[in-house]
Amino acid sequence: MIRLEERISKALKQVDNDRYILAIAVGQRADELSKGAKPLLELNTQKMKYTDIAIDEIAAGLLKIEGFVDKK
């Protein structure tokens, strides 16, 4: 398995190196996974934490992060 720092680096490249957007996206995806969403990864994720799955999905380009919509 790839080290966490390398996985985060790959995920950051997917969101133009914006750590804030990455943190929000990982949190939202981990929440979805905890509520029963199926992982998009094609590997055994049973022993992985939800945040690790989310980071790997973003790093692999399986999830596209567009940005935020300001709700006023």
Protein backbone atom coordinates (compact mmCIF):
# COMPACT_ATOMS: atom_id res chain seq x y z
CA MET A 1 0.00 0.00 0.00
CA ILE A 2 1.16 3.51 -0.80
CA ARG A 3 2.16 5.78 2.06
CA LEU A 4 -0.45 8.27 3.24
CA GLU A 5 1.67 11.28 2.23
CA GLU A 6 1.86 10.02 -1.36
CA ARG A 7 -1.88 9.36 -1.50
CA ILE A 8 -2.65 12.84 -0.17
CA SER A 9 -0.21 14.38 -2.66
CA LYS A 10 -2.01 12.66 -5.54
CA ALA A 11 -5.39 13.75 -4.19
CA LEU A 12 -4.19 17.35 -3.84
CA LYS A 13 -3.23 17.39 -7.52
CA GLN A 14 -6.84 16.51 -8.36
CA VAL A 15 -8.10 19.65 -6.54
CA ASP A 16 -5.42 22.11 -7.71
CA ASN A 17 -3.48 21.81 -4.42
CA ASP A 18 -6.30 23.35 -2.39
CA ARG A 19 -6.12 21.64 1.01
CA TYR A 20 -9.38 23.20 2.17
CA ILE A 21 -11.39 21.78 -0.73
CA LEU A 22 -9.71 18.40 -0.28
CA ALA A 23 -10.54 18.32 3.43
CA ILE A 24 -14.19 19.17 2.79
CA ALA A 25 -14.46 16.64 -0.06
CA VAL A 26 -12.87 13.86 2.00
CA GLY A 27 -15.17 14.62 4.92
CA GLN A 28 -18.29 14.59 2.76
CA ARG A 29 -17.32 11.39 0.97
CA ALA A 30 -16.38 9.66 4.24
CA ASP A 31 -19.81 10.64 5.58
CA GLU A 32 -21.48 9.14 2.51
CA LEU A 33 -19.48 5.93 2.93
CA SER A 34 -20.40 5.70 6.61
CA LYS A 35 -24.07 5.93 5.64
CA GLY A 36 -23.81 3.00 3.23
CA ALA A 37 -22.49 4.34 -0.07
CA LYS A 38 -20.48 1.78 -2.03
CA PRO A 39 -16.75 2.46 -2.45
CA LEU A 40 -15.69 3.19 -6.02
CA LEU A 41 -12.32 1.48 -5.58
CA GLU A 42 -11.75 -1.95 -7.07
CA LEU A 43 -9.81 -3.27 -4.10
CA ASN A 44 -10.75 -4.76 -0.76
CA THR A 45 -11.81 -1.83 1.43
CA GLN A 46 -13.21 -3.76 4.39
CA LYS A 47 -10.25 -2.96 6.66
CA MET A 48 -9.83 0.62 5.45
CA LYS A 49 -11.12 3.72 7.21
CA TYR A 50 -13.71 5.79 5.40
CA THR A 51 -11.34 8.75 5.10
CA ASP A 52 -8.66 6.56 3.53
CA ILE A 53 -11.15 5.26 0.98
CA ALA A 54 -12.23 8.82 0.17
CA ILE A 55 -8.64 10.01 -0.28
CA ASP A 56 -7.86 7.05 -2.55
CA GLU A 57 -11.00 7.65 -4.64
CA ILE A 58 -10.10 11.31 -5.14
CA ALA A 59 -6.44 10.49 -5.86
CA ALA A 60 -7.48 7.92 -8.48
CA GLY A 61 -9.74 10.47 -10.16
CA LEU A 62 -12.88 8.46 -9.46
CA LEU A 63 -14.53 11.50 -7.85
CA LYS A 64 -14.52 14.90 -9.47
CA ILE A 65 -14.49 17.92 -7.17
CA GLU A 66 -15.90 21.00 -8.90
CA GLY A 67 -15.74 23.49 -6.06
CA PHE A 68 -18.26 25.19 -3.85
CA VAL A 69 -21.52 26.95 -4.52
CA ASP A 70 -22.16 29.92 -2.24
CA LYS A 71 -25.58 29.45 -0.63
CA LYS A 72 -26.90 32.85 0.48
